[in-house]
PDB file of all heavy atoms in Angstrom:
ATOM      1  N   ARG A   1     -19.316   5.601   3.086  1.00  0.00           N
ATOM      2  CA  ARG A   1     -18.657   5.997   4.319  1.00  0.00           C
ATOM      3  C   ARG A   1     -19.552   6.905   5.133  1.00  0.00           C
ATOM      4  O   ARG A   1     -20.420   7.600   4.590  1.00  0.00           O
ATOM      5  CB  ARG A   1     -17.308   6.681   4.035  1.00  0.00           C
ATOM      6  CG  ARG A   1     -17.385   8.048   3.406  1.00  0.00           C
ATOM      7  CD  ARG A   1     -15.989   8.530   3.008  1.00  0.00           C
ATOM      8  NE  ARG A   1     -15.095   8.637   4.143  1.00  0.00           N
ATOM      9  CZ  ARG A   1     -13.767   8.536   4.057  1.00  0.00           C
ATOM     10  NH1 ARG A   1     -13.197   8.301   2.883  1.00  0.00           N
ATOM     11  NH2 ARG A   1     -13.002   8.666   5.136  1.00  0.00           N
ATOM     12  N   ASP A   2     -19.344   6.887   6.429  1.00  0.00           N
ATOM     13  CA  ASP A   2     -20.024   7.769   7.369  1.00  0.00           C
ATOM     14  C   ASP A   2     -18.922   8.445   8.178  1.00  0.00           C
ATOM     15  O   ASP A   2     -18.395   7.860   9.128  1.00  0.00           O
ATOM     16  CB  ASP A   2     -20.965   6.960   8.258  1.00  0.00           C
ATOM     17  CG  ASP A   2     -21.790   7.834   9.189  1.00  0.00           C
ATOM     18  OD1 ASP A   2     -21.394   9.000   9.421  1.00  0.00           O
ATOM     19  OD2 ASP A   2     -22.808   7.368   9.697  1.00  0.00           O
ATOM     20  N   ASN A   3     -18.581   9.652   7.806  1.00  0.00           N
ATOM     21  CA  ASN A   3     -17.472  10.336   8.476  1.00  0.00           C
ATOM     22  C   ASN A   3     -17.799  10.691   9.923  1.00  0.00           C
ATOM     23  O   ASN A   3     -16.902  10.824  10.752  1.00  0.00           O
ATOM     24  CB  ASN A   3     -17.061  11.585   7.699  1.00  0.00           C
ATOM     25  CG  ASN A   3     -16.250  11.245   6.458  1.00  0.00           C
ATOM     26  OD1 ASN A   3     -15.627  10.183   6.371  1.00  0.00           O
ATOM     27  ND2 ASN A   3     -16.263  12.142   5.481  1.00  0.00           N
ATOM     28  N   ALA A   4     -19.076  10.827  10.226  1.00  0.00           N
ATOM     29  CA  ALA A   4     -19.456  11.095  11.618  1.00  0.00           C
ATOM     30  C   ALA A   4     -19.113   9.907  12.518  1.00  0.00           C
ATOM     31  O   ALA A   4     -18.870  10.074  13.712  1.00  0.00           O
ATOM     32  CB  ALA A   4     -20.939  11.410  11.713  1.00  0.00           C
ATOM     33  N   LYS A   5     -19.102   8.719  11.919  1.00  0.00           N
ATOM     34  CA  LYS A   5     -18.773   7.505  12.668  1.00  0.00           C
ATOM     35  C   LYS A   5     -17.361   7.005  12.364  1.00  0.00           C
ATOM     36  O   LYS A   5     -16.969   5.936  12.843  1.00  0.00           O
ATOM     37  CB  LYS A   5     -19.778   6.397  12.341  1.00  0.00           C
ATOM     38  CG  LYS A   5     -21.191   6.718  12.779  1.00  0.00           C
ATOM     39  CD  LYS A   5     -22.137   5.564  12.464  1.00  0.00           C
ATOM     40  CE  LYS A   5     -23.540   5.875  12.957  1.00  0.00           C
ATOM     41  NZ  LYS A   5     -24.493   4.781  12.647  1.00  0.00           N
ATOM     42  N   ASN A   6     -16.621   7.749  11.542  1.00  0.00           N
ATOM     43  CA  ASN A   6     -15.260   7.331  11.160  1.00  0.00           C
ATOM     44  C   ASN A   6     -15.254   5.901  10.628  1.00  0.00           C
ATOM     45  O   ASN A   6     -14.383   5.092  10.978  1.00  0.00           O
ATOM     46  CB  ASN A   6     -14.299   7.434  12.344  1.00  0.00           C
ATOM     47  CG  ASN A   6     -13.836   8.857  12.582  1.00  0.00           C
ATOM     48  OD1 ASN A   6     -14.106   9.750  11.793  1.00  0.00           O
ATOM     49  ND2 ASN A   6     -13.162   9.065  13.692  1.00  0.00           N
ATOM     50  N   THR A   7     -16.210   5.601   9.773  1.00  0.00           N
ATOM     51  CA  THR A   7     -16.364   4.229   9.292  1.00  0.00           C
ATOM     52  C   THR A   7     -16.626   4.205   7.795  1.00  0.00           C
ATOM     53  O   THR A   7     -17.369   5.038   7.274  1.00  0.00           O
ATOM     54  CB  THR A   7     -17.505   3.519  10.033  1.00  0.00           C
ATOM     55  OG1 THR A   7     -17.247   3.535  11.435  1.00  0.00           O
ATOM     56  CG2 THR A   7     -17.646   2.068   9.578  1.00  0.00           C
ATOM     57  N   VAL A   8     -15.995   3.248   7.143  1.00  0.00           N
ATOM     58  CA  VAL A   8     -16.246   2.962   5.732  1.00  0.00           C
ATOM     59  C   VAL A   8     -16.856   1.572   5.649  1.00  0.00           C
ATOM     60  O   VAL A   8     -16.436   0.658   6.355  1.00  0.00           O
ATOM     61  CB  VAL A   8     -14.956   3.044   4.906  1.00  0.00           C
ATOM     62  CG1 VAL A   8     -15.168   2.536   3.489  1.00  0.00           C
ATOM     63  CG2 VAL A   8     -14.441   4.477   4.869  1.00  0.00           C
ATOM     64  N   TYR A   9     -17.827   1.425   4.760  1.00  0.00           N
ATOM     65  CA  TYR A   9     -18.549   0.161   4.620  1.00  0.00           C
ATOM     66  C   TYR A   9     -18.340  -0.434   3.235  1.00  0.00           C
ATOM     67  O   TYR A   9     -18.103   0.274   2.256  1.00  0.00           O
ATOM     68  CB  TYR A   9     -20.047   0.389   4.831  1.00  0.00           C
ATOM     69  CG  TYR A   9     -20.399   1.022   6.142  1.00  0.00           C
ATOM     70  CD1 TYR A   9     -20.669   2.388   6.225  1.00  0.00           C
ATOM     71  CD2 TYR A   9     -20.464   0.265   7.304  1.00  0.00           C
ATOM     72  CE1 TYR A   9     -20.993   2.982   7.433  1.00  0.00           C
ATOM     73  CE2 TYR A   9     -20.780   0.854   8.526  1.00  0.00           C
ATOM     74  CZ  TYR A   9     -21.047   2.209   8.574  1.00  0.00           C
ATOM     75  OH  TYR A   9     -21.363   2.789   9.778  1.00  0.00           O
ATOM     76  N   LEU A  10     -18.455  -1.745   3.179  1.00  0.00           N
ATOM     77  CA  LEU A  10     -18.505  -2.452   1.896  1.00  0.00           C
ATOM     78  C   LEU A  10     -19.684  -3.412   1.957  1.00  0.00           C
ATOM     79  O   LEU A  10     -19.680  -4.360   2.745  1.00  0.00           O
ATOM     80  CB  LEU A  10     -17.212  -3.227   1.625  1.00  0.00           C
ATOM     81  CG  LEU A  10     -17.157  -3.921   0.259  1.00  0.00           C
ATOM     82  CD1 LEU A  10     -17.065  -2.878  -0.859  1.00  0.00           C
ATOM     83  CD2 LEU A  10     -16.000  -4.904   0.177  1.00  0.00           C
ATOM     84  N   ASP A  11     -20.698  -3.119   1.167  1.00  0.00           N
ATOM     85  CA  ASP A  11     -21.861  -3.992   1.068  1.00  0.00           C
ATOM     86  C   ASP A  11     -21.686  -4.916  -0.127  1.00  0.00           C
ATOM     87  O   ASP A  11     -21.363  -4.458  -1.223  1.00  0.00           O
ATOM     88  CB  ASP A  11     -23.141  -3.166   0.911  1.00  0.00           C
ATOM     89  CG  ASP A  11     -23.461  -2.393   2.162  1.00  0.00           C
ATOM     90  OD1 ASP A  11     -23.671  -3.031   3.204  1.00  0.00           O
ATOM     91  OD2 ASP A  11     -23.498  -1.151   2.105  1.00  0.00           O
ATOM     92  N   VAL A  12     -21.903  -6.183   0.102  1.00  0.00           N
ATOM     93  CA  VAL A  12     -21.761  -7.184  -0.947  1.00  0.00           C
ATOM     94  C   VAL A  12     -23.070  -7.955  -1.051  1.00  0.00           C
ATOM     95  O   VAL A  12     -23.569  -8.478  -0.051  1.00  0.00           O
ATOM     96  CB  VAL A  12     -20.615  -8.162  -0.657  1.00  0.00           C
ATOM     97  CG1 VAL A  12     -20.349  -9.038  -1.885  1.00  0.00           C
ATOM     98  CG2 VAL A  12     -19.350  -7.415  -0.258  1.00  0.00           C
ATOM     99  N   ASN A  13     -23.621  -7.996  -2.241  1.00  0.00           N
ATOM    100  CA  ASN A  13     -24.869  -8.721  -2.485  1.00  0.00           C
ATOM    101  C   ASN A  13     -24.600  -9.963  -3.320  1.00  0.00           C
ATOM    102  O   ASN A  13     -23.590 -10.059  -4.021  1.00  0.00           O
ATOM    103  CB  ASN A  13     -25.858  -7.815  -3.225  1.00  0.00           C
ATOM    104  CG  ASN A  13     -26.225  -6.596  -2.419  1.00  0.00           C
ATOM    105  OD1 ASN A  13     -26.482  -6.689  -1.222  1.00  0.00           O
ATOM    106  ND2 ASN A  13     -26.220  -5.439  -3.057  1.00  0.00           N
ATOM    107  N   SER A  14     -25.533 -10.896  -3.260  1.00  0.00           N
ATOM    108  CA  SER A  14     -25.465 -12.118  -4.073  1.00  0.00           C
ATOM    109  C   SER A  14     -24.086 -12.751  -4.004  1.00  0.00           C
ATOM    110  O   SER A  14     -23.421 -12.993  -5.022  1.00  0.00           O
ATOM    111  CB  SER A  14     -25.834 -11.790  -5.529  1.00  0.00           C
ATOM    112  OG  SER A  14     -27.114 -11.214  -5.610  1.00  0.00           O
ATOM    113  N   LEU A  15     -23.650 -13.031  -2.794  1.00  0.00           N
ATOM    114  CA  LEU A  15     -22.305 -13.585  -2.599  1.00  0.00           C
ATOM    115  C   LEU A  15     -22.122 -14.882  -3.375  1.00  0.00           C
ATOM    116  O   LEU A  15     -23.029 -15.721  -3.457  1.00  0.00           O
ATOM    117  CB  LEU A  15     -22.068 -13.826  -1.107  1.00  0.00           C
ATOM    118  CG  LEU A  15     -21.728 -12.564  -0.309  1.00  0.00           C
ATOM    119  CD1 LEU A  15     -22.103 -12.732   1.153  1.00  0.00           C
ATOM    120  CD2 LEU A  15     -20.258 -12.229  -0.457  1.00  0.00           C
ATOM    121  N   ILE A  16     -20.934 -15.037  -3.939  1.00  0.00           N
ATOM    122  CA  ILE A  16     -20.545 -16.247  -4.649  1.00  0.00           C
ATOM    123  C   ILE A  16     -19.277 -16.797  -4.004  1.00  0.00           C
ATOM    124  O   ILE A  16     -18.596 -16.097  -3.252  1.00  0.00           O
ATOM    125  CB  ILE A  16     -20.326 -15.970  -6.153  1.00  0.00           C
ATOM    126  CG1 ILE A  16     -19.251 -14.896  -6.349  1.00  0.00           C
ATOM    127  CG2 ILE A  16     -21.636 -15.539  -6.814  1.00  0.00           C
ATOM    128  CD1 ILE A  16     -18.922 -14.619  -7.816  1.00  0.00           C
ATOM    129  N   ARG A  17     -18.954 -18.038  -4.324  1.00  0.00           N
ATOM    130  CA  ARG A  17     -17.785 -18.670  -3.677  1.00  0.00           C
ATOM    131  C   ARG A  17     -16.504 -17.907  -3.968  1.00  0.00           C
ATOM    132  O   ARG A  17     -15.590 -17.861  -3.140  1.00  0.00           O
ATOM    133  CB  ARG A  17     -17.668 -20.118  -4.141  1.00  0.00           C
ATOM    134  CG  ARG A  17     -18.778 -21.021  -3.592  1.00  0.00           C
ATOM    135  CD  ARG A  17     -18.502 -22.454  -3.912  1.00  0.00           C
ATOM    136  NE  ARG A  17     -17.305 -22.936  -3.220  1.00  0.00           N
ATOM    137  CZ  ARG A  17     -16.822 -24.160  -3.336  1.00  0.00           C
ATOM    138  NH1 ARG A  17     -17.408 -25.025  -4.156  1.00  0.00           N
ATOM    139  NH2 ARG A  17     -15.750 -24.522  -2.676  1.00  0.00           N
ATOM    140  N   GLU A  18     -16.436 -17.286  -5.143  1.00  0.00           N
ATOM    141  CA  GLU A  18     -15.234 -16.537  -5.505  1.00  0.00           C
ATOM    142  C   GLU A  18     -15.023 -15.297  -4.642  1.00  0.00           C
ATOM    143  O   GLU A  18     -13.955 -14.677  -4.697  1.00  0.00           O
ATOM    144  CB  GLU A  18     -15.292 -16.130  -6.975  1.00  0.00           C
ATOM    145  CG  GLU A  18     -15.101 -17.270  -7.967  1.00  0.00           C
ATOM    146  CD  GLU A  18     -16.353 -18.133  -8.129  1.00  0.00           C
ATOM    147  OE1 GLU A  18     -17.421 -17.755  -7.583  1.00  0.00           O
ATOM    148  OE2 GLU A  18     -16.261 -19.172  -8.792  1.00  0.00           O
ATOM    149  N   ASP A  19     -16.026 -14.922  -3.850  1.00  0.00           N
ATOM    150  CA  ASP A  19     -15.868 -13.784  -2.940  1.00  0.00           C
ATOM    151  C   ASP A  19     -15.134 -14.177  -1.664  1.00  0.00           C
ATOM    152  O   ASP A  19     -14.796 -13.314  -0.851  1.00  0.00           O
ATOM    153  CB  ASP A  19     -17.239 -13.216  -2.565  1.00  0.00           C
ATOM    154  CG  ASP A  19     -17.965 -12.596  -3.739  1.00  0.00           C
ATOM    155  OD1 ASP A  19     -17.284 -12.025  -4.618  1.00  0.00           O
ATOM    156  OD2 ASP A  19     -19.206 -12.682  -3.781  1.00  0.00           O
ATOM    157  N   THR A  20     -14.899 -15.449  -1.482  1.00  0.00           N
ATOM    158  CA  THR A  20     -14.191 -15.912  -0.293  1.00  0.00           C
ATOM    159  C   THR A  20     -12.780 -15.341  -0.247  1.00  0.00           C
ATOM    160  O   THR A  20     -12.073 -15.313  -1.250  1.00  0.00           O
ATOM    161  CB  THR A  20     -14.114 -17.451  -0.285  1.00  0.00           C
ATOM    162  OG1 THR A  20     -15.435 -17.975  -0.137  1.00  0.00           O
ATOM    163  CG2 THR A  20     -13.243 -17.953   0.858  1.00  0.00           C
ATOM    164  N   GLY A  21     -12.404 -14.872   0.919  1.00  0.00           N
ATOM    165  CA  GLY A  21     -11.069 -14.323   1.089  1.00  0.00           C
ATOM    166  C   GLY A  21     -10.992 -13.458   2.323  1.00  0.00           C
ATOM    167  O   GLY A  21     -11.982 -13.310   3.055  1.00  0.00           O
ATOM    168  N   VAL A  22      -9.836 -12.876   2.543  1.00  0.00           N
ATOM    169  CA  VAL A  22      -9.665 -11.915   3.624  1.00  0.00           C
ATOM    170  C   VAL A  22      -9.824 -10.525   3.023  1.00  0.00           C
ATOM    171  O   VAL A  22      -9.182 -10.188   2.033  1.00  0.00           O
ATOM    172  CB  VAL A  22      -8.283 -12.055   4.291  1.00  0.00           C
ATOM    173  CG1 VAL A  22      -8.137 -11.033   5.407  1.00  0.00           C
ATOM    174  CG2 VAL A  22      -8.094 -13.474   4.824  1.00  0.00           C
ATOM    175  N   TYR A  23     -10.691  -9.751   3.635  1.00  0.00           N
ATOM    176  CA  TYR A  23     -10.970  -8.407   3.156  1.00  0.00           C
ATOM    177  C   TYR A  23     -10.253  -7.406   4.060  1.00  0.00           C
ATOM    178  O   TYR A  23     -10.413  -7.435   5.291  1.00  0.00           O
ATOM    179  CB  TYR A  23     -12.476  -8.149   3.143  1.00  0.00           C
ATOM    180  CG  TYR A  23     -13.158  -8.828   1.997  1.00  0.00           C
ATOM    181  CD1 TYR A  23     -13.337 -10.210   1.994  1.00  0.00           C
ATOM    182  CD2 TYR A  23     -13.616  -8.110   0.897  1.00  0.00           C
ATOM    183  CE1 TYR A  23     -13.945 -10.848   0.930  1.00  0.00           C
ATOM    184  CE2 TYR A  23     -14.231  -8.739  -0.174  1.00  0.00           C
ATOM    185  CZ  TYR A  23     -14.388 -10.118  -0.152  1.00  0.00           C
ATOM    186  OH  TYR A  23     -14.989 -10.742  -1.211  1.00  0.00           O
ATOM    187  N   TYR A  24      -9.487  -6.541   3.419  1.00  0.00           N
ATOM    188  CA  TYR A  24      -8.723  -5.516   4.118  1.00  0.00           C
ATOM    189  C   TYR A  24      -9.205  -4.135   3.715  1.00  0.00           C
ATOM    190  O   TYR A  24      -9.537  -3.911   2.547  1.00  0.00           O
ATOM    191  CB  TYR A  24      -7.240  -5.601   3.754  1.00  0.00           C
ATOM    192  CG  TYR A  24      -6.547  -6.880   4.143  1.00  0.00           C
ATOM    193  CD1 TYR A  24      -6.509  -7.959   3.268  1.00  0.00           C
ATOM    194  CD2 TYR A  24      -5.903  -6.995   5.368  1.00  0.00           C
ATOM    195  CE1 TYR A  24      -5.854  -9.133   3.612  1.00  0.00           C
ATOM    196  CE2 TYR A  24      -5.243  -8.169   5.722  1.00  0.00           C
ATOM    197  CZ  TYR A  24      -5.224  -9.230   4.838  1.00  0.00           C
ATOM    198  OH  TYR A  24      -4.573 -10.387   5.184  1.00  0.00           O
ATOM    199  N   CYS A  25      -9.228  -3.219   4.657  1.00  0.00           N
ATOM    200  CA  CYS A  25      -9.397  -1.828   4.275  1.00  0.00           C
ATOM    201  C   CYS A  25      -8.037  -1.139   4.375  1.00  0.00           C
ATOM    202  O   CYS A  25      -7.163  -1.549   5.155  1.00  0.00           O
ATOM    203  CB  CYS A  25     -10.461  -1.119   5.095  1.00  0.00           C
ATOM    204  SG  CYS A  25     -10.122  -0.939   6.850  1.00  0.00           S
ATOM    205  N   ALA A  26      -7.896  -0.112   3.572  1.00  0.00           N
ATOM    206  CA  ALA A  26      -6.642   0.614   3.488  1.00  0.00           C
ATOM    207  C   ALA A  26      -6.947   2.090   3.261  1.00  0.00           C
ATOM    208  O   ALA A  26      -7.960   2.422   2.632  1.00  0.00           O
ATOM    209  CB  ALA A  26      -5.785   0.073   2.344  1.00  0.00           C
ATOM    210  N   SER A  27      -6.083   2.945   3.755  1.00  0.00           N
ATOM    211  CA  SER A  27      -6.327   4.377   3.635  1.00  0.00           C
ATOM    212  C   SER A  27      -5.074   5.129   3.242  1.00  0.00           C
ATOM    213  O   SER A  27      -3.944   4.695   3.523  1.00  0.00           O
ATOM    214  CB  SER A  27      -6.846   4.951   4.966  1.00  0.00           C
ATOM    215  OG  SER A  27      -8.179   4.584   5.206  1.00  0.00           O
ATOM    216  N   VAL A  28      -5.312   6.264   2.612  1.00  0.00           N
ATOM    217  CA  VAL A  28      -4.233   7.188   2.275  1.00  0.00           C
ATOM    218  C   VAL A  28      -4.772   8.597   2.473  1.00  0.00           C
ATOM    219  O   VAL A  28      -5.933   8.884   2.171  1.00  0.00           O
ATOM    220  CB  VAL A  28      -3.743   6.966   0.827  1.00  0.00           C
ATOM    221  CG1 VAL A  28      -4.858   7.202  -0.184  1.00  0.00           C
ATOM    222  CG2 VAL A  28      -2.549   7.844   0.516  1.00  0.00           C
ATOM    223  N   GLU A  29      -3.932   9.475   2.991  1.00  0.00           N
ATOM    224  CA  GLU A  29      -4.367  10.841   3.211  1.00  0.00           C
ATOM    225  C   GLU A  29      -4.553  11.538   1.871  1.00  0.00           C
ATOM    226  O   GLU A  29      -3.754  11.375   0.944  1.00  0.00           O
ATOM    227  CB  GLU A  29      -3.359  11.596   4.068  1.00  0.00           C
ATOM    228  CG  GLU A  29      -3.887  12.929   4.572  1.00  0.00           C
ATOM    229  CD  GLU A  29      -3.045  13.513   5.683  1.00  0.00           C
ATOM    230  OE1 GLU A  29      -1.926  12.991   5.921  1.00  0.00           O
ATOM    231  OE2 GLU A  29      -3.489  14.483   6.312  1.00  0.00           O
ATOM    232  N   GLY A  30      -5.630  12.294   1.779  1.00  0.00           N
ATOM    233  CA  GLY A  30      -5.946  12.951   0.524  1.00  0.00           C
ATOM    234  C   GLY A  30      -6.397  11.937  -0.511  1.00  0.00           C
ATOM    235  O   GLY A  30      -7.107  10.983  -0.196  1.00  0.00           O
ATOM    236  N   SER A  31      -5.961  12.127  -1.741  1.00  0.00           N
ATOM    237  CA  SER A  31      -6.360  11.222  -2.810  1.00  0.00           C
ATOM    238  C   SER A  31      -5.283  10.230  -3.181  1.00  0.00           C
ATOM    239  O   SER A  31      -5.471   9.406  -4.078  1.00  0.00           O
ATOM    240  CB  SER A  31      -6.753  12.029  -4.053  1.00  0.00           C
ATOM    241  OG  SER A  31      -5.670  12.830  -4.463  1.00  0.00           O
ATOM    242  N   GLY A  32      -4.151  10.278  -2.508  1.00  0.00           N
ATOM    243  CA  GLY A  32      -3.075   9.359  -2.835  1.00  0.00           C
ATOM    244  C   GLY A  32      -2.429   9.713  -4.168  1.00  0.00           C
ATOM    245  O   GLY A  32      -2.796  10.685  -4.825  1.00  0.00           O
ATOM    246  N   SER A  33      -1.475   8.887  -4.577  1.00  0.00           N
ATOM    247  CA  SER A  33      -0.757   9.117  -5.825  1.00  0.00           C
ATOM    248  C   SER A  33      -0.515   7.785  -6.495  1.00  0.00           C
ATOM    249  O   SER A  33       0.142   6.920  -5.930  1.00  0.00           O
ATOM    250  CB  SER A  33       0.573   9.829  -5.549  1.00  0.00           C
ATOM    251  OG  SER A  33       1.300  10.012  -6.749  1.00  0.00           O
ATOM    252  N   GLY A  34      -1.055   7.630  -7.697  1.00  0.00           N
ATOM    253  CA  GLY A  34      -0.887   6.382  -8.408  1.00  0.00           C
ATOM    254  C   GLY A  34      -2.199   5.654  -8.555  1.00  0.00           C
ATOM    255  O   GLY A  34      -3.264   6.162  -8.220  1.00  0.00           O
ATOM    256  N   SER A  35      -2.096   4.436  -9.058  1.00  0.00           N
ATOM    257  CA  SER A  35      -3.293   3.631  -9.298  1.00  0.00           C
ATOM    258  C   SER A  35      -3.839   3.062  -8.005  1.00  0.00           C
ATOM    259  O   SER A  35      -3.099   2.465  -7.216  1.00  0.00           O
ATOM    260  CB  SER A  35      -2.962   2.477 -10.250  1.00  0.00           C
ATOM    261  OG  SER A  35      -4.036   1.566 -10.312  1.00  0.00           O
ATOM    262  N   TYR A  36      -5.127   3.197  -7.806  1.00  0.00           N
ATOM    263  CA  TYR A  36      -5.763   2.638  -6.617  1.00  0.00           C
ATOM    264  C   TYR A  36      -5.666   1.117  -6.594  1.00  0.00           C
ATOM    265  O   TYR A  36      -5.823   0.504  -5.528  1.00  0.00           O
ATOM    266  CB  TYR A  36      -7.223   3.072  -6.548  1.00  0.00           C
ATOM    267  CG  TYR A  36      -7.413   4.509  -6.115  1.00  0.00           C
ATOM    268  CD1 TYR A  36      -8.674   5.097  -6.164  1.00  0.00           C
ATOM    269  CD2 TYR A  36      -6.361   5.279  -5.657  1.00  0.00           C
ATOM    270  CE1 TYR A  36      -8.877   6.399  -5.770  1.00  0.00           C
ATOM    271  CE2 TYR A  36      -6.540   6.591  -5.266  1.00  0.00           C
ATOM    272  CZ  TYR A  36      -7.805   7.156  -5.325  1.00  0.00           C
ATOM    273  OH  TYR A  36      -7.993   8.452  -4.940  1.00  0.00           O
ATOM    274  N   TYR A  37      -5.421   0.504  -7.756  1.00  0.00           N
ATOM    275  CA  TYR A  37      -5.304  -0.946  -7.822  1.00  0.00           C
ATOM    276  C   TYR A  37      -4.052  -1.454  -7.105  1.00  0.00           C
ATOM    277  O   TYR A  37      -4.001  -2.608  -6.700  1.00  0.00           O
ATOM    278  CB  TYR A  37      -5.242  -1.415  -9.278  1.00  0.00           C
ATOM    279  CG  TYR A  37      -6.575  -1.485  -9.974  1.00  0.00           C
ATOM    280  CD1 TYR A  37      -7.235  -0.338 -10.393  1.00  0.00           C
ATOM    281  CD2 TYR A  37      -7.178  -2.716 -10.221  1.00  0.00           C
ATOM    282  CE1 TYR A  37      -8.462  -0.410 -11.038  1.00  0.00           C
ATOM    283  CE2 TYR A  37      -8.398  -2.811 -10.874  1.00  0.00           C
ATOM    284  CZ  TYR A  37      -9.029  -1.641 -11.281  1.00  0.00           C
ATOM    285  OH  TYR A  37     -10.234  -1.723 -11.922  1.00  0.00           O
ATOM    286  N   SER A  38      -3.068  -0.586  -6.952  1.00  0.00           N
ATOM    287  CA  SER A  38      -1.806  -1.019  -6.368  1.00  0.00           C
ATOM    288  C   SER A  38      -1.830  -0.917  -4.857  1.00  0.00           C
ATOM    289  O   SER A  38      -2.051   0.160  -4.301  1.00  0.00           O
ATOM    290  CB  SER A  38      -0.656  -0.159  -6.892  1.00  0.00           C
ATOM    291  OG  SER A  38       0.538  -0.461  -6.187  1.00  0.00           O
ATOM    292  N   PRO A  39      -1.559  -2.021  -4.147  1.00  0.00           N
ATOM    293  CA  PRO A  39      -1.478  -1.942  -2.679  1.00  0.00           C
ATOM    294  C   PRO A  39      -0.386  -0.990  -2.207  1.00  0.00           C
ATOM    295  O   PRO A  39      -0.439  -0.507  -1.070  1.00  0.00           O
ATOM    296  CB  PRO A  39      -1.169  -3.394  -2.274  1.00  0.00           C
ATOM    297  CG  PRO A  39      -1.659  -4.219  -3.405  1.00  0.00           C
ATOM    298  CD  PRO A  39      -1.426  -3.397  -4.628  1.00  0.00           C
ATOM    299  N   LEU A  40       0.582  -0.707  -3.063  1.00  0.00           N
ATOM    300  CA  LEU A  40       1.736   0.072  -2.637  1.00  0.00           C
ATOM    301  C   LEU A  40       1.404   1.522  -2.316  1.00  0.00           C
ATOM    302  O   LEU A  40       2.139   2.180  -1.577  1.00  0.00           O
ATOM    303  CB  LEU A  40       2.825   0.023  -3.720  1.00  0.00           C
ATOM    304  CG  LEU A  40       3.389  -1.363  -4.027  1.00  0.00           C
ATOM    305  CD1 LEU A  40       4.404  -1.274  -5.162  1.00  0.00           C
ATOM    306  CD2 LEU A  40       4.013  -1.981  -2.788  1.00  0.00           C
ATOM    307  N   ILE A  41       0.306   2.051  -2.845  1.00  0.00           N
ATOM    308  CA  ILE A  41       0.022   3.467  -2.614  1.00  0.00           C
ATOM    309  C   ILE A  41      -0.735   3.684  -1.307  1.00  0.00           C
ATOM    310  O   ILE A  41      -0.979   4.819  -0.921  1.00  0.00           O
ATOM    311  CB  ILE A  41      -0.765   4.099  -3.775  1.00  0.00           C
ATOM    312  CG1 ILE A  41      -2.239   3.688  -3.725  1.00  0.00           C
ATOM    313  CG2 ILE A  41      -0.152   3.765  -5.112  1.00  0.00           C
ATOM    314  CD1 ILE A  41      -3.137   4.656  -4.463  1.00  0.00           C
ATOM    315  N   TRP A  42      -1.116   2.594  -0.652  1.00  0.00           N
ATOM    316  CA  TRP A  42      -1.926   2.713   0.567  1.00  0.00           C
ATOM    317  C   TRP A  42      -1.040   2.448   1.795  1.00  0.00           C
ATOM    318  O   TRP A  42      -0.645   1.318   2.055  1.00  0.00           O
ATOM    319  CB  TRP A  42      -3.081   1.712   0.537  1.00  0.00           C
ATOM    320  CG  TRP A  42      -3.928   1.822  -0.688  1.00  0.00           C
ATOM    321  CD1 TRP A  42      -3.785   1.158  -1.865  1.00  0.00           C
ATOM    322  CD2 TRP A  42      -5.060   2.694  -0.859  1.00  0.00           C
ATOM    323  NE1 TRP A  42      -4.748   1.547  -2.761  1.00  0.00           N
ATOM    324  CE2 TRP A  42      -5.550   2.489  -2.168  1.00  0.00           C
ATOM    325  CE3 TRP A  42      -5.708   3.613  -0.032  1.00  0.00           C
ATOM    326  CZ2 TRP A  42      -6.654   3.168  -2.672  1.00  0.00           C
ATOM    327  CZ3 TRP A  42      -6.814   4.285  -0.537  1.00  0.00           C
ATOM    328  CH2 TRP A  42      -7.267   4.068  -1.844  1.00  0.00           C
ATOM    329  N   PRO A  43      -0.737   3.467   2.579  1.00  0.00           N
ATOM    330  CA  PRO A  43       0.195   3.273   3.695  1.00  0.00           C
ATOM    331  C   PRO A  43      -0.430   2.670   4.955  1.00  0.00           C
ATOM    332  O   PRO A  43       0.289   2.130   5.797  1.00  0.00           O
ATOM    333  CB  PRO A  43       0.692   4.690   3.981  1.00  0.00           C
ATOM    334  CG  PRO A  43      -0.391   5.578   3.486  1.00  0.00           C
ATOM    335  CD  PRO A  43      -1.011   4.883   2.319  1.00  0.00           C
ATOM    336  N   TYR A  44      -1.754   2.783   5.085  1.00  0.00           N
ATOM    337  CA  TYR A  44      -2.401   2.324   6.321  1.00  0.00           C
ATOM    338  C   TYR A  44      -3.326   1.161   6.019  1.00  0.00           C
ATOM    339  O   TYR A  44      -4.160   1.253   5.099  1.00  0.00           O
ATOM    340  CB  TYR A  44      -3.173   3.459   6.985  1.00  0.00           C
ATOM    341  CG  TYR A  44      -2.318   4.670   7.226  1.00  0.00           C
ATOM    342  CD1 TYR A  44      -2.500   5.835   6.489  1.00  0.00           C
ATOM    343  CD2 TYR A  44      -1.305   4.641   8.183  1.00  0.00           C
ATOM    344  CE1 TYR A  44      -1.703   6.943   6.702  1.00  0.00           C
ATOM    345  CE2 TYR A  44      -0.499   5.744   8.395  1.00  0.00           C
ATOM    346  CZ  TYR A  44      -0.700   6.884   7.654  1.00  0.00           C
ATOM    347  OH  TYR A  44       0.101   7.974   7.865  1.00  0.00           O
TER     348      TYR A  44
END
């Protein structure tokens, strides 16, 4: 992330077909509560 630019990046190397999909970013204020694996903890 670059907080000066208010931007988070995801770099992906050696792409494979299984990487195909829609990529979403999500945010929570602070550190959130619960497992990061769960979409439910991310409000934005």
